[in-house]
């Protein structure tokens, strides 16, 4: 296959099994091949200082907050996150700008033979692009989000300035382990010898596991406890630092962002000898940050329609807190789309507080069926896709509507809203 355009890049990548479609079959949890590939292209991951961010929830938001803060402080900042919601290019950003089509094509032109020689997975290719582009662009600092877990994740092939673990809860249990302690062990695998680590609000068993691994690596560990992060009215947050309060006025609606802001503060303070950031720059960076689509973001300014990719227990609870800021959970309409491995008793119990639920089945092999959902949520009805324009214009008009359950649902919802708006 010739690779000569962005569409041909996407077509080439579509041939490679992806985690979103086939689960663990689309991943290879062994770093040897990927390390060999990186070595073959000059180990670009070692050409720039970086922050490495893992966590069950909040890692993407924290990465974007940090990127915004350091950019506001005048640094050239590379940001690598996943998955993308609309375009593959979204994964790779420098100072707010996505990688260009020309740069993507140049990567494949230069490295295609090696990609195929080492049989890289979809995520490994994506990670390699970020390292390669950031090296070429001579950035000052990179913020790198872990894809899954940490210890065996493709991003875990460099030594960062600081490691971050935002949160730990049960998710991807078939891969990372059945207990909080096992999952914490995998997440803490990003901790490197004598490299500090910042942690969010972790369960005791997770924090104990992370602390043990940090001690074994002689790594200092920093929490957010003394910052007392608080969320106020919509978009308002507060930290307490050295006896004085720091206030933020942001576009971020989810209360959980208070913790992500606190994590970002601890990171910035720990890296102050390398990258100076004033309190004013930090506040401005947070206030102007866009944490990305799919994080309880409003879909249309004139309506109370929100999307959130909540699909595990901690995230669903955070979603419900966010909903309560704008209305009642029991009154809201939930349009749900889930993957089958997310159908777990505790998660479904959290969703059961919604009385009005529609279910939309994603076009993925791993998608849960309507019957799977009906077993747990008897109030659910199939989403009438063929009549969605009527539903949006009538039933959803002026109502609080939450689209949730999977980040892979976002592209579909966005298309629905755009088509409705352009009619």
Protein backbone atom coordinates (compact mmCIF):
# COMPACT_ATOMS: atom_id res chain seq x y z
CA UNK A 1 0.00 0.00 0.00
CA UNK A 2 1.29 3.43 -0.96
CA UNK A 3 1.30 6.04 1.81
CA UNK A 4 0.92 9.43 0.17
CA UNK A 5 -1.84 11.23 2.12
CA UNK A 6 -3.47 11.40 5.54
CA UNK A 7 -6.24 9.11 4.33
CA UNK A 8 -3.66 6.52 3.22
CA UNK A 9 -1.97 6.80 6.63
CA UNK A 10 -5.30 6.08 8.30
CA UNK A 11 -6.01 3.23 5.87
CA UNK A 12 -2.59 1.73 6.63
CA UNK A 13 -3.19 1.97 10.36
CA UNK A 14 -6.68 0.47 10.01
CA UNK A 15 -5.07 -2.78 8.86
CA UNK A 16 -3.38 -3.12 12.24
CA UNK A 17 -5.48 -4.64 15.06
CA UNK A 18 -6.44 -1.90 17.50
CA UNK A 19 -7.15 -2.19 21.20
CA UNK A 20 -10.52 -0.44 20.83
CA UNK A 21 -11.74 -3.14 18.45
CA UNK A 22 -10.21 -6.39 19.68
CA UNK A 23 -8.99 -5.62 23.18
CA UNK A 24 -5.70 -7.18 24.31
CA UNK A 25 -5.24 -8.82 20.91
CA UNK A 26 -4.47 -5.34 19.59
CA UNK A 27 -1.64 -4.82 22.07
CA UNK A 28 1.71 -6.46 22.81
CA UNK A 29 2.74 -6.06 26.41
CA UNK A 30 6.44 -6.62 25.83
CA UNK A 31 8.75 -3.65 25.39
CA UNK A 32 11.69 -5.44 23.77
CA UNK A 33 10.63 -4.99 20.14
CA UNK A 34 9.61 -1.40 20.66
CA UNK A 35 12.89 -0.57 22.38
CA UNK A 36 14.75 -2.11 19.44
CA UNK A 37 12.69 -0.05 17.02
CA UNK A 38 13.37 3.16 18.95
CA UNK A 39 17.08 2.36 18.95
CA UNK A 40 16.97 1.79 15.18
CA UNK A 41 15.67 5.35 14.63
CA UNK A 42 18.10 6.99 17.05
CA UNK A 43 16.23 6.76 20.38
CA UNK A 44 14.35 10.05 19.89
CA UNK A 45 12.59 9.59 23.24
CA UNK A 46 15.86 10.59 24.94
CA UNK A 47 16.18 13.91 23.11
CA UNK A 48 13.88 15.98 25.31
CA UNK A 49 12.88 16.21 28.99
CA UNK A 50 9.42 14.84 29.76
CA UNK A 51 6.67 14.38 32.32
CA UNK A 52 5.16 10.87 32.33
CA UNK A 53 1.51 10.61 33.43
CA UNK A 54 -0.37 7.40 34.29
CA UNK A 55 -3.70 6.77 36.03
CA UNK A 56 -7.07 5.12 35.65
CA UNK A 57 -8.85 8.46 35.25
CA UNK A 58 -7.69 12.04 34.98
CA UNK A 59 -4.40 11.42 33.20
CA UNK A 60 -5.50 13.01 29.92
CA UNK A 61 -6.94 16.08 31.68
CA UNK A 62 -3.82 16.47 33.82
CA UNK A 63 -1.60 16.24 30.74
CA UNK A 64 -3.56 19.01 29.05
CA UNK A 65 -3.50 21.19 32.16
CA UNK A 66 0.28 20.83 32.43
CA UNK A 67 0.74 21.52 28.74
CA UNK A 68 -1.33 24.71 29.01
CA UNK A 69 0.57 25.92 32.09
CA UNK A 70 4.02 25.40 30.60
CA UNK A 71 2.97 26.92 27.31
CA UNK A 72 1.67 29.97 29.18
CA UNK A 73 5.08 30.19 30.88
CA UNK A 74 6.72 30.51 27.46
CA UNK A 75 8.01 26.99 26.81
CA UNK A 76 7.67 24.94 23.64
CA UNK A 77 5.59 22.02 24.88
CA UNK A 78 4.86 18.70 23.19
CA UNK A 79 1.71 16.85 24.24
CA UNK A 80 1.03 13.19 23.48
CA UNK A 81 -2.36 11.72 24.45
CA UNK A 82 -4.63 8.89 23.38
CA UNK A 83 -7.03 7.80 22.12
CA UNK A 84 -8.01 10.38 19.53
CA UNK A 85 -11.70 11.17 19.13
CA UNK A 86 -11.90 12.72 15.66
CA UNK A 87 -8.53 12.65 13.87
CA UNK A 88 -5.36 10.63 14.34
CA UNK A 89 -3.39 13.92 14.35
CA UNK A 90 -5.05 14.89 17.66
CA UNK A 91 -2.63 12.64 19.53
CA UNK A 92 0.37 14.83 18.70
CA UNK A 93 0.38 18.51 19.65
CA UNK A 94 3.06 21.17 20.07
CA UNK A 95 1.96 24.49 21.55
CA UNK A 96 -1.67 23.77 20.68
CA UNK A 97 -0.99 22.77 17.06
CA UNK A 98 -1.51 19.23 15.78
CA UNK A 99 1.12 17.45 13.72
CA UNK A 100 0.78 18.25 10.02
CA UNK A 101 -0.03 15.78 7.28
CA UNK A 102 3.42 16.38 5.76
CA UNK A 103 5.17 15.43 9.00
CA UNK A 104 3.10 12.26 9.37
CA UNK A 105 3.91 11.25 5.81
CA UNK A 106 7.59 11.94 6.39
CA UNK A 107 7.59 9.64 9.43
CA UNK A 108 6.14 6.75 7.43
CA UNK A 109 8.36 7.48 4.45
CA UNK A 110 11.45 7.31 6.67
CA UNK A 111 10.43 4.43 8.93
CA UNK A 112 7.90 2.16 7.24
CA UNK A 113 10.34 -0.69 6.62
CA UNK A 114 11.40 -0.67 10.27
CA UNK A 115 7.78 -0.48 11.45
CA UNK A 116 7.05 -3.67 9.54
CA UNK A 117 10.35 -5.32 10.48
CA UNK A 118 9.59 -4.93 14.18
CA UNK A 119 5.83 -5.58 13.71
CA UNK A 120 4.76 -2.57 15.73
CA UNK A 121 1.23 -2.36 17.12
CA UNK A 122 -1.06 0.59 16.43
CA UNK A 123 -0.24 2.19 19.76
CA UNK A 124 3.48 1.60 19.38
CA UNK A 125 3.42 3.36 16.00
CA UNK A 126 1.49 6.24 17.55
CA UNK A 127 3.97 6.51 20.43
CA UNK A 128 6.93 6.36 18.07
CA UNK A 129 5.50 9.23 16.02
CA UNK A 130 5.30 11.41 19.14
CA UNK A 131 8.92 10.70 20.10
CA UNK A 132 10.16 11.26 16.55
CA UNK A 133 8.24 14.51 16.01
CA UNK A 134 9.07 15.99 19.39
CA UNK A 135 12.77 15.25 18.79
CA UNK A 136 12.70 16.85 15.34
CA UNK A 137 10.88 19.89 16.68
CA UNK A 138 13.40 20.52 19.47
CA UNK A 139 10.75 21.11 22.10
CA UNK A 140 11.60 22.29 25.60
CA UNK A 141 9.38 19.79 27.39
CA UNK A 142 7.03 16.91 26.59
CA UNK A 143 3.97 15.74 28.52
CA UNK A 144 3.43 12.05 27.75
CA UNK A 145 0.23 10.18 28.67
CA UNK A 146 0.41 6.45 29.33
CA UNK A 147 -1.88 4.42 27.10
CA UNK A 148 -2.73 1.48 29.37
CA UNK A 149 -1.27 0.50 32.73
CA UNK A 150 2.28 1.74 32.87
CA UNK A 151 4.92 -0.91 33.49
CA UNK A 152 4.59 -2.51 30.04
CA UNK A 153 3.10 0.45 28.18
CA UNK A 154 4.93 1.54 25.02
CA UNK A 155 5.51 5.00 26.51
CA UNK A 156 7.57 3.48 29.33
CA UNK A 157 10.90 3.50 27.47
CA UNK A 158 12.39 6.75 28.74
CA UNK A 159 13.38 8.30 32.04
CA UNK A 160 11.23 11.37 32.81
CA UNK A 161 11.90 14.36 35.00
CA UNK A 162 8.91 13.33 37.10
CA UNK A 163 6.30 10.58 37.14
CA UNK A 164 2.61 11.16 37.87
CA UNK A 165 -0.15 8.75 38.91
CA UNK A 166 -3.46 10.59 38.92
CA UNK A 167 -5.84 7.90 40.20
CA UNK A 168 -6.20 4.14 40.54
CA UNK A 169 -9.42 2.17 40.35
CA UNK A 170 -10.64 -1.08 38.83
CA UNK A 171 -10.45 -0.94 35.04
CA UNK A 172 -9.04 -3.25 32.34
CA UNK A 173 -8.97 -5.94 35.02
CA UNK A 174 -8.49 -8.70 32.46
CA UNK A 175 -5.13 -7.14 31.58
CA UNK A 176 -3.90 -5.20 34.61
CA UNK A 177 -5.16 -7.42 37.42
CA UNK A 178 -8.29 -8.14 39.41
CA UNK A 179 -7.40 -6.07 42.50
CA UNK A 180 -6.56 -2.45 43.23
CA UNK A 181 -3.15 -3.56 44.49
CA UNK A 182 -2.35 -5.42 41.26
CA UNK A 183 -3.42 -2.45 39.14
CA UNK A 184 -1.38 -0.10 41.34
CA UNK A 185 1.67 -2.29 40.72
CA UNK A 186 1.24 -1.89 36.97
CA UNK A 187 0.63 1.87 37.14
CA UNK A 188 3.62 2.36 39.44
CA UNK A 189 5.80 0.64 36.87
CA UNK A 190 6.50 4.09 35.40
CA UNK A 191 8.44 5.09 38.53
CA UNK A 192 12.17 5.27 37.76
CA UNK A 193 15.15 5.23 40.18
CA UNK A 194 15.54 8.51 42.05
CA UNK A 195 12.86 10.20 39.93
CA UNK A 196 10.13 11.93 42.02
CA UNK A 197 6.51 10.88 41.70
CA UNK A 198 3.32 12.88 42.29
CA UNK A 199 0.15 10.98 43.16
CA UNK A 200 -3.49 11.98 43.28
CA UNK A 201 -6.15 10.81 45.72
CA UNK A 202 -5.49 7.04 45.73
CA UNK A 203 -7.20 4.26 47.72
CA UNK A 204 -5.09 3.20 50.72
CA UNK A 205 -4.08 -0.16 49.21
CA UNK A 206 -3.03 1.56 45.99
CA UNK A 207 -1.11 4.30 47.77
CA UNK A 208 0.71 1.72 49.91
CA UNK A 209 1.75 -0.23 46.81
CA UNK A 210 2.92 2.91 45.00
CA UNK A 211 4.81 4.10 48.09
CA UNK A 212 6.60 0.76 48.38
CA UNK A 213 7.72 0.87 44.75
CA UNK A 214 8.81 4.49 45.17
CA UNK A 215 10.90 3.53 48.23
CA UNK A 216 12.51 0.66 46.35
CA UNK A 217 13.49 3.14 43.64
CA UNK A 218 14.63 5.76 46.16
CA UNK A 219 12.06 8.09 44.61
CA UNK A 220 10.46 10.90 46.59
CA UNK A 221 6.67 10.77 46.61
CA UNK A 222 4.38 13.83 46.79
CA UNK A 223 0.64 13.90 47.46
CA UNK A 224 -2.01 16.60 47.03
CA UNK A 225 -3.36 16.25 50.58
CA UNK A 226 -2.03 19.57 51.92
CA UNK A 227 -3.42 21.50 48.95
CA UNK A 228 -7.03 20.76 49.97
CA UNK A 229 -8.42 21.00 46.41
CA UNK A 230 -12.02 22.24 46.34
CA UNK A 231 -14.52 22.71 43.51
CA UNK A 232 -17.02 25.53 43.89
CA UNK A 233 -19.57 26.78 41.40
CA UNK A 234 -19.33 25.72 37.77
CA UNK A 235 -15.74 26.15 36.63
CA UNK A 236 -14.49 27.50 39.96
CA UNK A 237 -11.74 25.71 41.88
CA UNK A 238 -9.50 26.44 44.84
CA UNK A 239 -6.17 25.25 46.24
CA UNK A 240 -4.66 26.16 49.60
CA UNK A 241 -0.92 26.81 49.31
CA UNK A 242 1.24 27.86 52.25
CA UNK A 243 -1.75 29.29 54.06
CA UNK A 244 -3.25 31.28 51.22
CA UNK A 245 -5.97 30.38 48.76
CA UNK A 246 -5.45 30.25 45.01
CA UNK A 247 -8.66 30.65 43.02
CA UNK A 248 -9.34 29.52 39.45
CA UNK A 249 -12.11 30.54 37.05
CA UNK A 250 -12.13 27.98 34.25
CA UNK A 251 -14.31 26.41 31.57
CA UNK A 252 -13.90 23.02 33.26
CA UNK A 253 -17.20 21.74 34.63
CA UNK A 254 -16.38 18.42 36.33
CA UNK A 255 -15.64 18.72 40.09
CA UNK A 256 -12.87 16.09 39.79
CA UNK A 257 -10.77 18.68 37.93
CA UNK A 258 -9.93 20.19 41.33
CA UNK A 259 -7.70 17.18 42.03
CA UNK A 260 -6.13 17.34 38.58
CA UNK A 261 -5.29 21.01 39.15
CA UNK A 262 -3.70 20.10 42.50
CA UNK A 263 -1.63 17.37 40.85
CA UNK A 264 -0.48 19.86 38.22
CA UNK A 265 0.55 22.31 40.95
CA UNK A 266 2.70 19.68 42.67
CA UNK A 267 4.37 18.76 39.38
CA UNK A 268 5.16 22.38 38.56
CA UNK A 269 6.59 23.03 42.01
CA UNK A 270 8.80 19.94 41.84
CA UNK A 271 10.17 20.95 38.45
CA UNK A 272 10.74 24.60 39.33
CA UNK A 273 14.53 24.20 39.15
CA UNK A 274 14.19 23.06 35.54
CA UNK A 275 11.20 25.08 34.33
CA UNK A 276 10.25 28.24 36.17
CA UNK A 277 6.52 28.99 36.33
CA UNK A 278 5.09 31.90 38.33
CA UNK A 279 1.87 31.60 40.28
CA UNK A 280 0.25 34.03 37.85
CA UNK A 281 1.33 31.93 34.86
CA UNK A 282 0.01 28.79 36.54
CA UNK A 283 -3.37 30.39 37.20
CA UNK A 284 -3.62 31.72 33.65
CA UNK A 285 -2.57 28.37 32.21
CA UNK A 286 -5.24 26.53 34.19
CA UNK A 287 -7.93 29.13 33.48
CA UNK A 288 -7.30 28.95 29.73
CA UNK A 289 -6.81 25.18 29.52
CA UNK A 290 -9.02 23.03 27.37
CA UNK A 291 -8.81 19.54 28.81
CA UNK A 292 -10.05 17.88 25.66
CA UNK A 293 -13.27 16.53 24.31
CA UNK A 294 -15.11 13.82 26.15
CA UNK A 295 -14.61 15.26 29.66
CA UNK A 296 -18.13 16.43 30.52
CA UNK A 297 -17.99 18.94 27.71
CA UNK A 298 -21.04 20.74 26.39
CA UNK A 299 -21.96 19.60 22.88
CA UNK A 300 -24.04 22.59 21.82
CA UNK A 301 -24.06 25.98 23.48
CA UNK A 302 -27.82 26.42 23.26
CA UNK A 303 -28.63 23.07 24.89
CA UNK A 304 -27.79 21.23 28.09
CA UNK A 305 -26.29 18.31 26.20
CA UNK A 306 -23.01 16.93 27.55
CA UNK A 307 -20.60 14.16 26.62
CA UNK A 308 -18.42 12.27 29.07
CA UNK A 309 -16.45 9.10 28.33
CA UNK A 310 -17.10 7.67 31.81
CA UNK A 311 -16.83 3.89 31.64
CA UNK A 312 -15.39 2.71 34.98
CA UNK A 313 -16.62 3.01 38.55
CA UNK A 314 -14.59 6.06 39.58
CA UNK A 315 -15.37 7.90 36.34
CA UNK A 316 -19.12 7.21 36.51
CA UNK A 317 -19.25 8.53 40.08
CA UNK A 318 -17.36 11.64 38.95
CA UNK A 319 -19.79 12.03 36.05
CA UNK A 320 -22.77 11.99 38.40
CA UNK A 321 -21.17 14.69 40.56
CA UNK A 322 -20.77 16.80 37.45
CA UNK A 323 -24.40 16.19 36.44
CA UNK A 324 -25.57 17.38 39.85
CA UNK A 325 -23.92 20.73 39.13
CA UNK A 326 -26.36 21.34 36.28
CA UNK A 327 -29.45 19.35 37.31
CA UNK A 328 -30.71 16.14 38.88
CA UNK A 329 -29.35 12.73 37.88
CA UNK A 330 -32.82 11.22 38.15
CA UNK A 331 -34.24 13.84 35.78
CA UNK A 332 -31.46 13.67 33.20
CA UNK A 333 -31.69 11.62 30.01
CA UNK A 334 -28.76 9.21 29.60
CA UNK A 335 -27.75 7.97 26.16
CA UNK A 336 -25.36 5.13 26.91
CA UNK A 337 -22.86 3.20 24.79
CA UNK A 338 -20.62 0.62 26.46
CA UNK A 339 -18.05 -2.02 25.66
CA UNK A 340 -18.93 -5.45 26.98
CA UNK A 341 -16.03 -5.63 29.45
CA UNK A 342 -17.45 -2.59 31.27
CA UNK A 343 -20.63 -4.42 32.26
CA UNK A 344 -19.81 -4.92 35.91
CA UNK A 345 -22.28 -4.91 38.82
CA UNK A 346 -20.91 -1.82 40.59
CA UNK A 347 -20.70 0.21 37.39
CA UNK A 348 -24.21 -0.71 36.31
CA UNK A 349 -25.53 0.12 39.76
CA UNK A 350 -24.10 3.63 39.42
CA UNK A 351 -25.80 4.08 36.04
CA UNK A 352 -29.10 2.81 37.50
CA UNK A 353 -29.69 6.16 39.22
CA UNK A 354 -30.58 7.53 35.78
CA UNK A 355 -34.28 6.84 35.23
CA UNK A 356 -34.40 7.76 31.56
CA UNK A 357 -31.88 5.67 29.63
CA UNK A 358 -31.42 5.01 25.92
CA UNK A 359 -28.83 2.50 24.72
CA UNK A 360 -26.86 2.79 21.48
CA UNK A 361 -24.77 -0.19 20.36
CA UNK A 362 -21.39 0.80 18.92
CA UNK A 363 -20.16 -0.77 15.68
CA UNK A 364 -17.28 -2.54 17.43
CA UNK A 365 -16.66 -6.21 18.11
CA UNK A 366 -16.31 -5.45 21.80
CA UNK A 367 -19.57 -3.47 22.04
CA UNK A 368 -22.15 -4.57 24.60
CA UNK A 369 -25.53 -5.52 23.17
CA UNK A 370 -28.88 -4.06 24.19
CA UNK A 371 -29.80 -7.36 25.88
CA UNK A 372 -26.56 -7.18 27.91
CA UNK A 373 -27.59 -3.75 29.21
CA UNK A 374 -31.27 -4.61 29.70
CA UNK A 375 -30.30 -7.35 32.15
CA UNK A 376 -28.83 -4.73 34.49
CA UNK A 377 -30.86 -1.62 33.62
CA UNK A 378 -34.48 -2.69 33.06
CA UNK A 379 -35.55 0.93 32.43
CA UNK A 380 -33.40 1.12 29.28
CA UNK A 381 -34.87 1.43 25.77
CA UNK A 382 -33.04 1.17 22.41
CA UNK A 383 -31.90 4.48 21.00
CA UNK A 384 -34.12 5.12 17.92
CA UNK A 385 -31.29 5.95 15.56
CA UNK A 386 -33.50 6.15 12.47
CA UNK A 387 -35.64 8.79 14.21
CA UNK A 388 -32.85 10.62 16.01
CA UNK A 389 -33.64 14.01 14.43
CA UNK A 390 -37.12 13.88 15.93
CA UNK A 391 -35.73 12.75 19.28
CA UNK A 392 -33.19 15.59 19.36
CA UNK A 393 -35.71 18.23 18.30
CA UNK A 394 -38.55 17.06 20.54
CA UNK A 395 -37.68 14.74 23.43
CA UNK A 396 -34.19 16.18 23.99
CA UNK A 397 -35.03 19.83 23.38
CA UNK A 398 -34.47 21.86 26.57
CA UNK A 399 -33.70 18.69 28.53
CA UNK A 400 -30.51 17.73 30.35
CA UNK A 401 -29.02 14.97 28.19
CA UNK A 402 -25.85 13.03 29.00
CA UNK A 403 -24.08 10.95 26.35
CA UNK A 404 -21.67 8.60 28.10
CA UNK A 405 -20.09 5.19 28.48
CA UNK A 406 -17.20 5.09 26.02
CA UNK A 407 -14.84 7.60 24.42
CA UNK A 408 -15.39 5.73 21.15
CA UNK A 409 -18.99 6.98 21.25
CA UNK A 410 -17.90 10.60 20.85
CA UNK A 411 -17.38 10.64 17.07
CA UNK A 412 -20.91 9.32 16.56
CA UNK A 413 -22.48 11.84 18.93
CA UNK A 414 -20.52 14.69 17.37
CA UNK A 415 -21.78 13.69 13.92
CA UNK A 416 -25.37 13.56 15.19
CA UNK A 417 -25.14 17.05 16.68
CA UNK A 418 -23.36 18.53 13.67
CA UNK A 419 -25.95 17.10 11.26
CA UNK A 420 -28.75 18.43 13.44
CA UNK A 421 -27.16 21.87 13.65
CA UNK A 422 -26.53 22.05 9.88
CA UNK A 423 -30.02 21.00 8.83
